[in-house]
Amino acid sequence: RAIAEELRVRIVDFGYEEQLASVEVLDLSFEDIAQSEKWFSALAPIIGRPDFGAIDSVLNGCSTVEVHGVDGFSVVEPIAVALELTSIAARRGLFAT
């Protein structure tokens, strides 16, 4: 729950509060967060809620699963995005030496 609250704070800090529908916790065990089937099974009822009708993306806040889109939603893995951005910055020589 601490990660979820911090994610909410960071989203607000970055000025994206209006785009945030909610921050949900899947309540999976430590072992389960690494198992894609269990992770996506826990996610399915959340993205299927009627109040999520206008939502098109889910931000994965903390897990080790391979993410992919689910039923019309894109699922974003921030760590993977951060690593891709780091790689781009390194290739372009944007890091201080």
N, C-alpha and C. Protein backbone atom coordinates (compact mmCIF):
# COMPACT_ATOMS: atom_id res chain seq x y z
N ARG A 1 0.82 -1.20 0.00
CA ARG A 1 0.00 0.00 0.00
C ARG A 1 0.86 1.26 0.00
N ALA A 2 2.04 1.18 0.58
CA ALA A 2 2.93 2.34 0.62
C ALA A 2 3.37 2.73 -0.79
N ILE A 3 3.63 1.74 -1.63
CA ILE A 3 4.03 2.03 -3.01
C ILE A 3 2.88 2.69 -3.75
N ALA A 4 1.67 2.20 -3.54
CA ALA A 4 0.50 2.79 -4.21
C ALA A 4 0.31 4.24 -3.80
N GLU A 5 0.46 4.52 -2.51
CA GLU A 5 0.30 5.90 -2.05
C GLU A 5 1.39 6.80 -2.60
N GLU A 6 2.61 6.30 -2.64
CA GLU A 6 3.71 7.10 -3.20
C GLU A 6 3.51 7.32 -4.69
N LEU A 7 3.01 6.32 -5.39
CA LEU A 7 2.71 6.49 -6.82
C LEU A 7 1.68 7.58 -7.01
N ARG A 8 0.64 7.58 -6.19
CA ARG A 8 -0.39 8.62 -6.27
C ARG A 8 0.22 10.00 -6.03
N VAL A 9 1.08 10.11 -5.03
CA VAL A 9 1.74 11.39 -4.71
C VAL A 9 2.58 11.86 -5.89
N ARG A 10 3.35 10.95 -6.48
CA ARG A 10 4.22 11.32 -7.61
C ARG A 10 3.40 11.75 -8.82
N ILE A 11 2.29 11.08 -9.08
CA ILE A 11 1.43 11.45 -10.20
C ILE A 11 0.90 12.87 -9.99
N VAL A 12 0.47 13.17 -8.78
CA VAL A 12 -0.02 14.51 -8.46
C VAL A 12 1.13 15.52 -8.59
N ASP A 13 2.29 15.18 -8.04
CA ASP A 13 3.45 16.08 -8.11
C ASP A 13 3.83 16.43 -9.55
N PHE A 14 3.71 15.47 -10.44
CA PHE A 14 4.05 15.71 -11.84
C PHE A 14 2.91 16.37 -12.62
N GLY A 15 1.79 16.62 -11.97
CA GLY A 15 0.69 17.35 -12.61
C GLY A 15 -0.25 16.51 -13.44
N TYR A 16 -0.31 15.21 -13.18
CA TYR A 16 -1.18 14.33 -13.97
C TYR A 16 -2.41 13.87 -13.20
N GLU A 17 -2.77 14.57 -12.16
CA GLU A 17 -3.89 14.16 -11.32
C GLU A 17 -5.19 14.02 -12.11
N GLU A 18 -5.43 14.92 -13.05
CA GLU A 18 -6.67 14.85 -13.83
C GLU A 18 -6.74 13.61 -14.71
N GLN A 19 -5.59 13.06 -15.09
CA GLN A 19 -5.58 11.85 -15.92
C GLN A 19 -5.65 10.57 -15.09
N LEU A 20 -5.56 10.69 -13.78
CA LEU A 20 -5.54 9.52 -12.89
C LEU A 20 -6.96 9.15 -12.47
N ALA A 21 -7.37 7.94 -12.82
CA ALA A 21 -8.68 7.46 -12.38
C ALA A 21 -8.58 6.92 -10.96
N SER A 22 -7.57 6.11 -10.71
CA SER A 22 -7.39 5.56 -9.38
C SER A 22 -6.05 4.83 -9.31
N VAL A 23 -5.62 4.54 -8.11
CA VAL A 23 -4.47 3.68 -7.87
C VAL A 23 -5.02 2.48 -7.12
N GLU A 24 -4.84 1.31 -7.69
CA GLU A 24 -5.38 0.09 -7.11
C GLU A 24 -4.24 -0.84 -6.70
N VAL A 25 -4.44 -1.59 -5.64
CA VAL A 25 -3.48 -2.58 -5.18
C VAL A 25 -4.05 -3.96 -5.49
N LEU A 26 -3.27 -4.81 -6.12
CA LEU A 26 -3.76 -6.13 -6.51
C LEU A 26 -3.77 -7.13 -5.36
N ASP A 27 -3.13 -6.83 -4.25
CA ASP A 27 -3.10 -7.71 -3.08
C ASP A 27 -2.62 -9.12 -3.41
N LEU A 28 -1.53 -9.19 -4.14
CA LEU A 28 -0.92 -10.47 -4.45
C LEU A 28 0.22 -10.74 -3.47
N SER A 29 0.53 -12.01 -3.29
CA SER A 29 1.67 -12.36 -2.45
C SER A 29 2.95 -12.00 -3.19
N PHE A 30 4.05 -11.96 -2.45
CA PHE A 30 5.34 -11.67 -3.06
C PHE A 30 5.65 -12.65 -4.18
N GLU A 31 5.33 -13.91 -3.97
CA GLU A 31 5.58 -14.94 -4.97
C GLU A 31 4.70 -14.75 -6.20
N ASP A 32 3.45 -14.32 -5.97
CA ASP A 32 2.50 -14.17 -7.07
C ASP A 32 2.82 -13.03 -8.02
N ILE A 33 3.49 -11.97 -7.53
CA ILE A 33 3.72 -10.83 -8.42
C ILE A 33 4.66 -11.16 -9.57
N ALA A 34 5.39 -12.25 -9.46
CA ALA A 34 6.28 -12.67 -10.54
C ALA A 34 5.60 -13.64 -11.51
N GLN A 35 4.35 -13.99 -11.25
CA GLN A 35 3.64 -14.95 -12.09
C GLN A 35 2.59 -14.21 -12.93
N SER A 36 2.88 -14.11 -14.21
CA SER A 36 2.03 -13.33 -15.11
C SER A 36 0.56 -13.72 -15.06
N GLU A 37 0.27 -15.01 -15.05
CA GLU A 37 -1.13 -15.46 -15.05
C GLU A 37 -1.88 -14.94 -13.82
N LYS A 38 -1.28 -15.05 -12.65
CA LYS A 38 -1.93 -14.57 -11.43
C LYS A 38 -2.06 -13.06 -11.44
N TRP A 39 -1.03 -12.37 -11.94
CA TRP A 39 -1.06 -10.91 -11.99
C TRP A 39 -2.19 -10.42 -12.90
N PHE A 40 -2.27 -10.99 -14.11
CA PHE A 40 -3.32 -10.58 -15.03
C PHE A 40 -4.71 -11.00 -14.56
N SER A 41 -4.80 -12.13 -13.87
CA SER A 41 -6.09 -12.54 -13.30
C SER A 41 -6.56 -11.56 -12.24
N ALA A 42 -5.63 -11.03 -11.45
CA ALA A 42 -5.99 -10.05 -10.42
C ALA A 42 -6.32 -8.70 -11.05
N LEU A 43 -5.70 -8.37 -12.17
CA LEU A 43 -5.94 -7.09 -12.85
C LEU A 43 -7.28 -7.07 -13.58
N ALA A 44 -7.70 -8.20 -14.13
CA ALA A 44 -8.90 -8.26 -14.97
C ALA A 44 -10.15 -7.67 -14.33
N PRO A 45 -10.49 -8.01 -13.07
CA PRO A 45 -11.71 -7.44 -12.50
C PRO A 45 -11.61 -5.93 -12.27
N ILE A 46 -10.40 -5.44 -12.07
CA ILE A 46 -10.24 -4.00 -11.85
C ILE A 46 -10.48 -3.23 -13.14
N ILE A 47 -9.87 -3.67 -14.24
CA ILE A 47 -10.06 -2.94 -15.49
C ILE A 47 -11.43 -3.18 -16.10
N GLY A 48 -12.14 -4.18 -15.61
CA GLY A 48 -13.48 -4.45 -16.09
C GLY A 48 -14.57 -3.64 -15.39
N ARG A 49 -14.19 -2.83 -14.41
CA ARG A 49 -15.19 -2.05 -13.67
C ARG A 49 -15.80 -0.98 -14.55
N PRO A 50 -17.10 -0.72 -14.37
CA PRO A 50 -17.78 0.29 -15.19
C PRO A 50 -17.15 1.68 -15.10
N ASP A 51 -16.61 2.05 -13.94
CA ASP A 51 -16.03 3.39 -13.80
C ASP A 51 -14.70 3.52 -14.54
N PHE A 52 -14.22 2.44 -15.13
CA PHE A 52 -13.00 2.50 -15.93
C PHE A 52 -13.32 2.62 -17.42
N GLY A 53 -14.53 2.94 -17.77
CA GLY A 53 -14.95 2.98 -19.16
C GLY A 53 -14.12 3.86 -20.06
N ALA A 54 -13.66 5.01 -19.59
CA ALA A 54 -12.90 5.94 -20.42
C ALA A 54 -11.39 5.73 -20.31
N ILE A 55 -10.96 4.75 -19.59
CA ILE A 55 -9.53 4.53 -19.36
C ILE A 55 -8.97 3.65 -20.47
N ASP A 56 -7.79 4.03 -20.97
CA ASP A 56 -7.18 3.22 -22.03
C ASP A 56 -5.80 2.69 -21.67
N SER A 57 -5.27 3.07 -20.50
CA SER A 57 -3.94 2.61 -20.11
C SER A 57 -3.90 2.29 -18.62
N VAL A 58 -3.08 1.29 -18.30
CA VAL A 58 -2.83 0.91 -16.92
C VAL A 58 -1.34 1.04 -16.70
N LEU A 59 -0.95 1.69 -15.62
CA LEU A 59 0.46 1.85 -15.27
C LEU A 59 0.81 0.81 -14.21
N ASN A 60 1.71 -0.09 -14.54
CA ASN A 60 2.13 -1.14 -13.61
C ASN A 60 3.10 -0.52 -12.61
N GLY A 61 2.68 -0.40 -11.36
CA GLY A 61 3.50 0.27 -10.37
C GLY A 61 4.57 -0.58 -9.73
N CYS A 62 4.34 -1.88 -9.62
CA CYS A 62 5.33 -2.69 -8.90
C CYS A 62 5.08 -4.18 -9.14
N SER A 63 5.82 -4.76 -10.04
CA SER A 63 5.77 -6.21 -10.23
C SER A 63 6.93 -6.61 -11.11
N THR A 64 7.04 -7.90 -11.33
CA THR A 64 8.13 -8.40 -12.17
C THR A 64 7.58 -9.22 -13.33
N VAL A 65 6.34 -8.97 -13.71
CA VAL A 65 5.73 -9.74 -14.79
C VAL A 65 6.03 -9.10 -16.14
N GLU A 66 5.96 -9.92 -17.18
CA GLU A 66 5.99 -9.40 -18.54
C GLU A 66 4.61 -8.83 -18.81
N VAL A 67 4.54 -7.55 -19.11
CA VAL A 67 3.23 -6.93 -19.30
C VAL A 67 2.89 -6.85 -20.78
N HIS A 68 1.60 -6.85 -21.05
CA HIS A 68 1.08 -6.69 -22.40
C HIS A 68 -0.32 -6.12 -22.26
N GLY A 69 -0.87 -5.67 -23.36
CA GLY A 69 -2.22 -5.11 -23.32
C GLY A 69 -3.24 -6.15 -22.91
N VAL A 70 -4.33 -5.68 -22.30
CA VAL A 70 -5.41 -6.56 -21.84
C VAL A 70 -6.73 -5.94 -22.23
N ASP A 71 -7.53 -6.64 -23.01
CA ASP A 71 -8.90 -6.23 -23.33
C ASP A 71 -9.03 -4.74 -23.64
N GLY A 72 -8.24 -4.26 -24.59
CA GLY A 72 -8.35 -2.87 -25.00
C GLY A 72 -7.58 -1.87 -24.17
N PHE A 73 -6.88 -2.33 -23.15
CA PHE A 73 -6.06 -1.47 -22.31
C PHE A 73 -4.59 -1.72 -22.64
N SER A 74 -3.81 -0.66 -22.70
CA SER A 74 -2.37 -0.86 -22.75
C SER A 74 -1.88 -0.90 -21.31
N VAL A 75 -0.90 -1.74 -21.03
CA VAL A 75 -0.32 -1.83 -19.70
C VAL A 75 1.12 -1.35 -19.82
N VAL A 76 1.44 -0.29 -19.10
CA VAL A 76 2.76 0.33 -19.19
C VAL A 76 3.63 -0.15 -18.03
N GLU A 77 4.83 -0.57 -18.34
CA GLU A 77 5.80 -1.01 -17.34
C GLU A 77 6.84 0.10 -17.18
N PRO A 78 6.75 0.91 -16.12
CA PRO A 78 7.64 2.06 -15.97
C PRO A 78 9.12 1.73 -15.92
N ILE A 79 9.48 0.60 -15.33
CA ILE A 79 10.90 0.23 -15.26
C ILE A 79 11.44 -0.02 -16.66
N ALA A 80 10.67 -0.73 -17.48
CA ALA A 80 11.11 -0.98 -18.85
C ALA A 80 11.24 0.32 -19.63
N VAL A 81 10.29 1.23 -19.44
CA VAL A 81 10.36 2.53 -20.12
C VAL A 81 11.58 3.31 -19.65
N ALA A 82 11.83 3.32 -18.34
CA ALA A 82 12.99 4.03 -17.80
C ALA A 82 14.29 3.46 -18.37
N LEU A 83 14.38 2.14 -18.47
CA LEU A 83 15.58 1.53 -19.03
C LEU A 83 15.76 1.88 -20.51
N GLU A 84 14.66 1.91 -21.25
CA GLU A 84 14.74 2.31 -22.66
C GLU A 84 15.21 3.76 -22.79
N LEU A 85 14.67 4.65 -21.96
CA LEU A 85 15.08 6.05 -21.99
C LEU A 85 16.55 6.21 -21.59
N THR A 86 16.99 5.42 -20.61
CA THR A 86 18.39 5.45 -20.21
C THR A 86 19.28 5.01 -21.35
N SER A 87 18.86 3.98 -22.05
CA SER A 87 19.62 3.48 -23.18
C SER A 87 19.71 4.54 -24.29
N ILE A 88 18.61 5.18 -24.59
CA ILE A 88 18.60 6.25 -25.61
C ILE A 88 19.53 7.38 -25.20
N ALA A 89 19.44 7.79 -23.94
CA ALA A 89 20.29 8.88 -23.46
C ALA A 89 21.76 8.50 -23.56
N ALA A 90 22.08 7.26 -23.22
CA ALA A 90 23.47 6.81 -23.29
C ALA A 90 23.97 6.81 -24.74
N ARG A 91 23.15 6.31 -25.66
CA ARG A 91 23.54 6.28 -27.07
C ARG A 91 23.74 7.68 -27.64
N ARG A 92 22.99 8.63 -27.14
CA ARG A 92 23.10 10.01 -27.61
C ARG A 92 24.13 10.82 -26.85
N GLY A 93 24.80 10.19 -25.90
CA GLY A 93 25.85 10.86 -25.16
C GLY A 93 25.31 11.94 -24.21
N LEU A 94 24.14 11.72 -23.65
CA LEU A 94 23.51 12.72 -22.80
C LEU A 94 23.90 12.61 -21.34
N PHE A 95 24.72 11.63 -20.98
CA PHE A 95 25.16 11.49 -19.60
C PHE A 95 26.44 12.26 -19.40
N ALA A 96 26.57 12.88 -18.24
CA ALA A 96 27.80 13.58 -17.90
C ALA A 96 28.92 12.57 -17.71
N THR A 97 30.10 12.92 -18.17
CA THR A 97 31.23 12.02 -18.01
C THR A 97 32.28 12.65 -17.13
